[in-house]
Amino acid sequence: MDGGGHQLREKASPEYPIDKDQSGLSVVILHYNRPWCLEITVASLRRALARRGMPHEIILADDGSDSDLWPLFDRLPLDQVFVQSSRVYDGERSSVYHTISAAYQLARYPYLLFLEDDFWFIPQGFADRGKNHIDGLTLRPDFNAGHAPLVGAVQLLEQVPGAHFVELARSFGNPRYHCVRHTERQMGGVAFRAKSQALNRRFYTCAWPHVMRTAEARSIPMPLGVACWSGESQLAASRRRVFGPGDWVYNPAQCFFAHVNIFTWREVCGRAGSANHTRWTDVKDDTALPFQMQPIRGFNKALLDRYKRGLIGNNLEAYFATSPMAYVYQTFYRSVCG
């Protein structure tokens, strides 16, 4: 496995021509065979960043999706595309960190936002409860919100030398994450606080949406050839070695990306837990949720087949008019279970 791949498309965004001396954000989205999810991720970020006038580019890091999805990549408003030519997932062997590393090398702005395609941007923010994002999943995204968390994350890294990693799907309001009160900074209308390594029993920087300086993100050795989950732990340990024992991770007061984990990788990669493939939260009693979704084996495969045959597809106007949970239930879940 050599991590080889090829770019299908590369051009500067017409709204924001690339100027390497200008502060801006390179967005890297990791994707594999979830085009219905990717479309919303891209559309939401484009809308948010354009409204704030922030120079940006969106880079697709595709880990070997089926080749008949490649025309979609050209239709989406992407600035650069990296497609892994030989996807590997075999036990502990994987191509995913080759794919991410290659996409990082394409970044042309000094700040980098990384996310997977099943995190959808919620501009007004929401409270997280543990790993539970139900509050975000039941909100209609409000792009007229008066603050700018993506801009704020970049400003934080520009102005605070000791900050190296800004989380955007974990909040300091969550009791799981102990933060240092006196480090609070207001950036982009959003409050951020440093997360304490000493107070957090399991200090961990995961693959959930985060912003780093591009040069620093590239400087951390990727666990090439390793499976996604075990590699994530190795990558977190590498960051600790490079950045040290200080409080260099910052969290916002609210979350800004909802984990739409109905589109999990677990079934695709043969991970344990695929029986709960359609669960939206980590709550034990889901009877109070507005929609009841039962586990469906083969759900990703069924969606992909329907998508390719034109039986399902996104309606972005409908998405922006409702909540992620209602939209997915009506558009995708019901298409499989009837």
Protein backbone atom coordinates (compact mmCIF):
# COMPACT_ATOMS: atom_id res chain seq x y z
CA MET A 1 0.00 0.00 0.00
CA ASP A 2 1.65 3.21 -1.12
CA GLY A 3 -1.15 5.69 -0.39
CA GLY A 4 -1.22 6.74 -4.04
CA GLY A 5 -4.14 8.66 -5.42
CA HIS A 6 -5.09 11.22 -7.98
CA GLN A 7 -6.70 14.62 -7.98
CA LEU A 8 -9.79 14.95 -10.10
CA ARG A 9 -10.19 18.70 -9.77
CA GLU A 10 -8.09 21.59 -8.57
CA LYS A 11 -8.84 25.29 -8.93
CA ALA A 12 -9.01 28.38 -6.78
CA SER A 13 -12.43 29.37 -5.51
CA PRO A 14 -13.69 32.20 -7.76
CA GLU A 15 -14.98 34.12 -4.74
CA TYR A 16 -11.68 33.94 -2.87
CA PRO A 17 -8.57 33.57 -5.05
CA ILE A 18 -5.82 31.87 -3.08
CA ASP A 19 -3.30 34.23 -1.48
CA LYS A 20 -0.89 32.30 0.73
CA ASP A 21 -0.01 35.47 2.65
CA GLN A 22 -3.66 36.00 3.57
CA SER A 23 -5.30 34.51 6.65
CA GLY A 24 -7.86 31.95 5.59
CA LEU A 25 -9.17 28.45 6.19
CA SER A 26 -8.57 25.21 4.31
CA VAL A 27 -11.38 22.76 5.04
CA VAL A 28 -10.52 19.05 4.66
CA ILE A 29 -13.52 16.69 4.57
CA LEU A 30 -12.90 12.96 4.91
CA HIS A 31 -15.40 10.92 2.88
CA TYR A 32 -16.16 7.37 1.86
CA ASN A 33 -19.30 6.33 -0.05
CA ARG A 34 -21.70 8.69 1.76
CA PRO A 35 -22.50 11.21 -0.99
CA TRP A 36 -25.87 12.13 0.52
CA CYS A 37 -24.07 13.21 3.67
CA LEU A 38 -21.18 14.95 1.90
CA GLU A 39 -23.48 17.23 -0.10
CA ILE A 40 -24.97 18.74 3.06
CA THR A 41 -21.60 19.07 4.79
CA VAL A 42 -20.19 21.03 1.84
CA ALA A 43 -23.27 23.20 1.30
CA SER A 44 -23.48 24.15 4.99
CA LEU A 45 -19.83 25.15 5.25
CA ARG A 46 -19.90 27.10 1.99
CA ARG A 47 -22.91 29.06 3.18
CA ALA A 48 -21.40 29.79 6.59
CA LEU A 49 -17.95 30.84 5.35
CA ALA A 50 -19.25 32.92 2.44
CA ARG A 51 -21.58 34.85 4.74
CA ARG A 52 -18.64 35.75 6.96
CA GLY A 53 -16.47 36.75 4.00
CA MET A 54 -13.71 34.43 5.16
CA PRO A 55 -11.18 33.35 2.51
CA HIS A 56 -11.44 29.58 2.29
CA GLU A 57 -11.17 26.45 0.20
CA ILE A 58 -12.84 23.07 0.56
CA ILE A 59 -10.73 19.98 -0.07
CA LEU A 60 -12.26 16.53 -0.40
CA ALA A 61 -10.22 13.68 1.06
CA ASP A 62 -11.96 10.69 -0.50
CA ASP A 63 -10.80 7.34 0.87
CA GLY A 64 -11.56 5.30 -2.25
CA SER A 65 -15.29 5.75 -2.85
CA ASP A 66 -16.85 3.89 -5.77
CA SER A 67 -15.70 5.40 -9.07
CA ASP A 68 -19.22 6.09 -10.28
CA LEU A 69 -19.43 8.80 -7.57
CA TRP A 70 -16.56 10.76 -9.11
CA PRO A 71 -18.84 12.86 -11.38
CA LEU A 72 -20.60 14.07 -8.22
CA PHE A 73 -17.29 15.36 -6.85
CA ASP A 74 -16.89 17.50 -9.96
CA ARG A 75 -20.40 18.92 -9.58
CA LEU A 76 -19.96 19.86 -5.92
CA PRO A 77 -18.45 23.27 -5.05
CA LEU A 78 -15.09 21.77 -4.09
CA ASP A 79 -11.78 23.51 -4.70
CA GLN A 80 -9.54 20.45 -4.63
CA VAL A 81 -10.18 16.72 -4.64
CA PHE A 82 -7.93 13.87 -3.59
CA VAL A 83 -9.20 10.38 -4.33
CA GLN A 84 -7.43 7.37 -2.87
CA SER A 85 -6.90 4.99 -5.80
CA SER A 86 -6.67 1.81 -3.71
CA ARG A 87 -8.73 1.91 -0.54
CA VAL A 88 -7.65 -0.58 2.12
CA TYR A 89 -9.57 -1.70 5.17
CA ASP A 90 -8.38 -5.07 6.40
CA GLY A 91 -8.25 -5.50 10.16
CA GLU A 92 -5.56 -3.15 11.37
CA ARG A 93 -4.47 -2.14 7.87
CA SER A 94 -6.08 0.94 6.38
CA SER A 95 -5.55 3.63 3.77
CA VAL A 96 -7.38 6.37 5.66
CA TYR A 97 -4.32 8.19 7.11
CA HIS A 98 -2.59 8.11 3.73
CA THR A 99 -5.69 9.85 2.37
CA ILE A 100 -5.82 12.47 5.13
CA SER A 101 -2.09 13.16 4.87
CA ALA A 102 -2.30 13.68 1.10
CA ALA A 103 -5.24 16.08 1.50
CA TYR A 104 -3.36 18.07 4.18
CA GLN A 105 -0.53 18.62 1.70
CA LEU A 106 -2.99 20.30 -0.68
CA ALA A 107 -4.03 22.94 1.88
CA ARG A 108 -3.16 26.46 0.73
CA TYR A 109 -4.26 28.53 3.74
CA PRO A 110 -2.47 28.84 7.10
CA TYR A 111 -5.37 27.35 9.11
CA LEU A 112 -6.99 23.95 8.60
CA LEU A 113 -10.41 22.64 9.63
CA PHE A 114 -10.68 18.84 9.57
CA LEU A 115 -13.97 16.98 9.77
CA GLU A 116 -15.59 13.76 8.66
CA ASP A 117 -18.60 13.95 6.37
CA ASP A 118 -21.14 12.99 9.06
CA PHE A 119 -20.69 16.21 11.06
CA TRP A 120 -23.18 18.89 9.98
CA PHE A 121 -22.62 22.53 10.86
CA ILE A 122 -25.14 24.15 13.24
CA PRO A 123 -24.28 27.90 13.11
CA GLN A 124 -26.11 29.00 16.26
CA GLY A 125 -24.52 26.30 18.42
CA PHE A 126 -26.13 23.92 20.87
CA ALA A 127 -25.50 22.20 24.22
CA ASP A 128 -23.90 18.77 24.17
CA ARG A 129 -24.67 16.21 26.85
CA GLY A 130 -21.84 13.76 27.11
CA LYS A 131 -21.38 12.61 23.52
CA ASN A 132 -25.07 13.25 22.90
CA HIS A 133 -25.80 15.80 20.15
CA ILE A 134 -29.56 15.50 20.19
CA ASP A 135 -30.01 19.25 20.85
CA GLY A 136 -28.16 20.06 17.63
CA LEU A 137 -29.90 17.37 15.62
CA THR A 138 -33.31 18.82 16.46
CA LEU A 139 -32.42 22.45 15.59
CA ARG A 140 -33.07 24.15 12.29
CA PRO A 141 -29.64 25.59 11.26
CA ASP A 142 -29.72 29.38 11.66
CA PHE A 143 -27.20 31.01 9.32
CA ASN A 144 -28.22 34.46 10.60
CA ALA A 145 -26.73 33.67 14.02
CA GLY A 146 -24.83 36.65 15.41
CA HIS A 147 -21.54 34.87 16.05
CA ALA A 148 -18.92 33.19 13.87
CA PRO A 149 -17.33 30.11 15.46
CA LEU A 150 -15.16 29.23 12.44
CA VAL A 151 -13.79 32.75 12.27
CA GLY A 152 -13.36 32.69 16.06
CA ALA A 153 -11.33 29.48 15.97
CA VAL A 154 -8.93 31.02 13.43
CA GLN A 155 -8.64 34.24 15.46
CA LEU A 156 -7.87 32.22 18.58
CA LEU A 157 -4.97 30.45 16.87
CA GLU A 158 -3.75 33.77 15.47
CA GLN A 159 -3.78 35.54 18.83
CA VAL A 160 -2.96 32.83 21.41
CA PRO A 161 0.46 31.22 20.77
CA GLY A 162 -0.18 28.50 23.34
CA ALA A 163 -3.32 27.31 21.55
CA HIS A 164 -2.74 24.51 19.04
CA PHE A 165 -6.04 22.65 18.69
CA VAL A 166 -9.57 24.12 18.70
CA GLU A 167 -12.43 21.66 19.11
CA LEU A 168 -15.80 22.57 17.60
CA ALA A 169 -17.97 19.54 18.43
CA ARG A 170 -17.17 19.47 22.17
CA SER A 171 -18.00 22.35 24.48
CA PHE A 172 -16.56 23.57 27.76
CA GLY A 173 -20.14 23.66 29.05
CA ASN A 174 -20.10 19.85 29.02
CA PRO A 175 -19.18 18.45 32.45
CA ARG A 176 -17.15 15.71 30.71
CA TYR A 177 -14.52 18.27 29.71
CA HIS A 178 -12.83 20.24 32.50
CA CYS A 179 -11.66 23.63 31.29
CA VAL A 180 -9.60 26.43 32.83
CA ARG A 181 -11.92 29.34 33.56
CA HIS A 182 -9.32 32.13 33.52
CA THR A 183 -8.23 31.23 29.96
CA GLU A 184 -11.57 32.30 28.47
CA ARG A 185 -11.30 34.37 25.28
CA GLN A 186 -14.07 35.89 23.18
CA MET A 187 -13.38 35.29 19.49
CA GLY A 188 -15.86 35.73 16.69
CA GLY A 189 -18.53 36.37 19.32
CA VAL A 190 -17.89 32.93 20.84
CA ALA A 191 -16.31 32.17 24.22
CA PHE A 192 -13.44 29.66 24.19
CA ARG A 193 -11.58 28.09 27.14
CA ALA A 194 -8.51 25.90 27.35
CA LYS A 195 -9.13 22.27 28.31
CA SER A 196 -7.03 21.18 31.28
CA GLN A 197 -4.79 18.18 30.70
CA ALA A 198 -4.34 17.81 34.47
CA LEU A 199 -8.07 17.77 35.26
CA ASN A 200 -9.30 15.60 32.39
CA ARG A 201 -8.74 11.97 33.31
CA ARG A 202 -8.66 10.90 29.68
CA PHE A 203 -7.17 13.84 27.81
CA TYR A 204 -7.83 13.08 24.17
CA THR A 205 -7.83 14.94 20.86
CA CYS A 206 -9.96 12.96 18.46
CA ALA A 207 -10.99 13.24 14.82
CA TRP A 208 -14.13 15.22 15.59
CA PRO A 209 -14.17 18.66 13.90
CA HIS A 210 -11.19 20.78 14.90
CA VAL A 211 -9.04 23.65 13.64
CA MET A 212 -5.22 23.72 13.73
CA ARG A 213 -2.47 25.75 12.14
CA THR A 214 -1.85 24.02 8.83
CA ALA A 215 1.91 23.81 9.34
CA GLU A 216 1.42 22.20 12.76
CA ALA A 217 -1.19 19.75 11.48
CA ARG A 218 1.28 18.63 8.82
CA SER A 219 4.12 18.34 11.31
CA ILE A 220 2.41 15.63 13.40
CA PRO A 221 3.33 12.18 12.00
CA MET A 222 0.30 10.33 10.69
CA PRO A 223 -0.11 6.65 11.72
CA LEU A 224 0.05 5.49 8.11
CA GLY A 225 -1.44 2.11 7.32
CA VAL A 226 -3.29 1.86 10.63
CA ALA A 227 -7.05 1.49 11.07
CA CYS A 228 -9.03 4.65 11.79
CA TRP A 229 -9.85 4.11 15.47
CA SER A 230 -6.52 2.77 16.72
CA GLY A 231 -4.74 5.35 14.58
CA GLU A 232 -6.75 8.11 16.20
CA SER A 233 -5.29 7.20 19.59
CA GLN A 234 -1.78 7.13 18.14
CA LEU A 235 -2.29 10.53 16.53
CA ALA A 236 -3.55 12.00 19.81
CA ALA A 237 -0.44 10.69 21.59
CA SER A 238 1.79 12.22 18.89
CA ARG A 239 0.16 15.60 19.43
CA ARG A 240 0.81 15.39 23.16
CA ARG A 241 4.47 14.64 22.52
CA VAL A 242 4.80 17.62 20.17
CA PHE A 243 2.74 20.19 22.11
CA GLY A 244 3.60 19.03 25.61
CA PRO A 245 1.69 18.88 28.91
CA GLY A 246 0.17 22.38 28.74
CA ASP A 247 -3.44 23.37 28.17
CA TRP A 248 -3.21 23.75 24.39
CA VAL A 249 -6.68 22.44 23.43
CA TYR A 250 -9.50 25.02 23.41
CA ASN A 251 -13.25 24.32 23.50
CA PRO A 252 -16.11 26.72 22.69
CA ALA A 253 -18.99 27.36 25.09
CA GLN A 254 -21.29 25.40 22.75
CA CYS A 255 -20.96 22.75 20.06
CA PHE A 256 -21.19 23.80 16.42
CA PHE A 257 -21.15 20.47 14.58
CA ALA A 258 -23.80 17.81 15.18
CA HIS A 259 -22.70 14.20 14.77
CA VAL A 260 -25.21 12.64 12.40
CA ASN A 261 -24.17 9.15 13.41
CA ILE A 262 -26.91 7.44 11.50
CA PHE A 263 -24.17 7.50 8.82
CA THR A 264 -21.60 5.60 10.84
CA TRP A 265 -18.50 3.90 9.46
CA ARG A 266 -18.97 0.99 11.86
CA GLU A 267 -20.94 -1.22 9.53
CA VAL A 268 -18.80 -0.32 6.52
CA CYS A 269 -15.63 -1.25 8.40
CA GLY A 270 -17.01 -4.27 10.23
CA ARG A 271 -16.75 -2.63 13.63
CA ALA A 272 -18.68 -3.91 16.65
CA GLY A 273 -21.89 -2.04 17.33
CA SER A 274 -23.34 -2.14 13.82
CA ALA A 275 -26.57 -3.53 15.28
CA ASN A 276 -27.14 -0.03 16.71
CA HIS A 277 -26.27 1.47 13.36
CA THR A 278 -29.13 3.98 13.30
CA ARG A 279 -28.91 5.29 16.86
CA TRP A 280 -28.72 9.05 17.07
CA THR A 281 -27.61 9.46 20.66
CA ASP A 282 -26.02 7.64 23.55
CA VAL A 283 -29.19 7.89 25.64
CA LYS A 284 -30.47 4.58 27.00
CA ASP A 285 -34.14 5.52 26.70
CA ASP A 286 -34.92 6.96 23.28
CA THR A 287 -38.70 6.89 23.62
CA ALA A 288 -38.78 10.67 23.99
CA LEU A 289 -36.98 11.30 20.70
CA PRO A 290 -39.15 12.87 17.99
CA PHE A 291 -38.45 10.03 15.55
CA GLN A 292 -38.01 6.34 16.28
CA MET A 293 -35.42 4.71 14.04
CA GLN A 294 -34.81 1.00 14.41
CA PRO A 295 -31.43 -0.60 13.63
CA ILE A 296 -31.10 -1.67 9.99
CA ARG A 297 -28.29 -3.92 8.86
CA GLY A 298 -26.87 -2.98 5.49
CA PHE A 299 -28.23 0.56 5.83
CA ASN A 300 -25.25 2.31 4.19
CA LYS A 301 -25.24 -0.16 1.32
CA ALA A 302 -28.98 0.25 0.79
CA LEU A 303 -28.69 4.05 0.76
CA LEU A 304 -25.75 3.98 -1.63
CA ASP A 305 -27.62 1.68 -4.02
CA ARG A 306 -30.70 3.94 -3.97
CA TYR A 307 -28.58 7.04 -4.42
CA LYS A 308 -26.79 5.63 -7.48
CA ARG A 309 -30.11 4.61 -9.05
CA GLY A 310 -31.53 8.10 -8.49
CA LEU A 311 -34.16 6.87 -6.02
CA ILE A 312 -32.99 9.21 -3.25
CA GLY A 313 -31.18 12.53 -3.28
CA ASN A 314 -30.78 15.72 -1.35
CA ASN A 315 -33.08 18.72 -1.45
CA LEU A 316 -30.91 21.43 0.11
CA GLU A 317 -33.77 23.91 0.33
CA ALA A 318 -35.71 21.36 2.39
CA TYR A 319 -32.67 20.62 4.54
CA PHE A 320 -32.09 24.27 5.47
CA ALA A 321 -35.79 24.63 6.35
CA THR A 322 -35.87 21.88 8.98
CA SER A 323 -33.74 20.02 11.50
CA PRO A 324 -31.12 17.40 10.59
CA MET A 325 -33.03 14.69 12.42
CA ALA A 326 -36.35 15.42 10.70
CA TYR A 327 -34.65 15.72 7.32
CA VAL A 328 -32.80 12.42 7.57
CA TYR A 329 -35.85 10.61 8.85
CA GLN A 330 -38.05 11.82 5.99
CA THR A 331 -35.46 11.72 3.19
CA PHE A 332 -33.32 8.67 3.92
CA TYR A 333 -34.56 6.46 6.74
CA ARG A 334 -38.08 6.09 5.36
CA SER A 335 -36.71 5.32 1.90
CA VAL A 336 -35.18 2.13 3.30
CA CYS A 337 -37.83 1.02 5.80
CA GLY A 338 -40.91 2.36 4.07
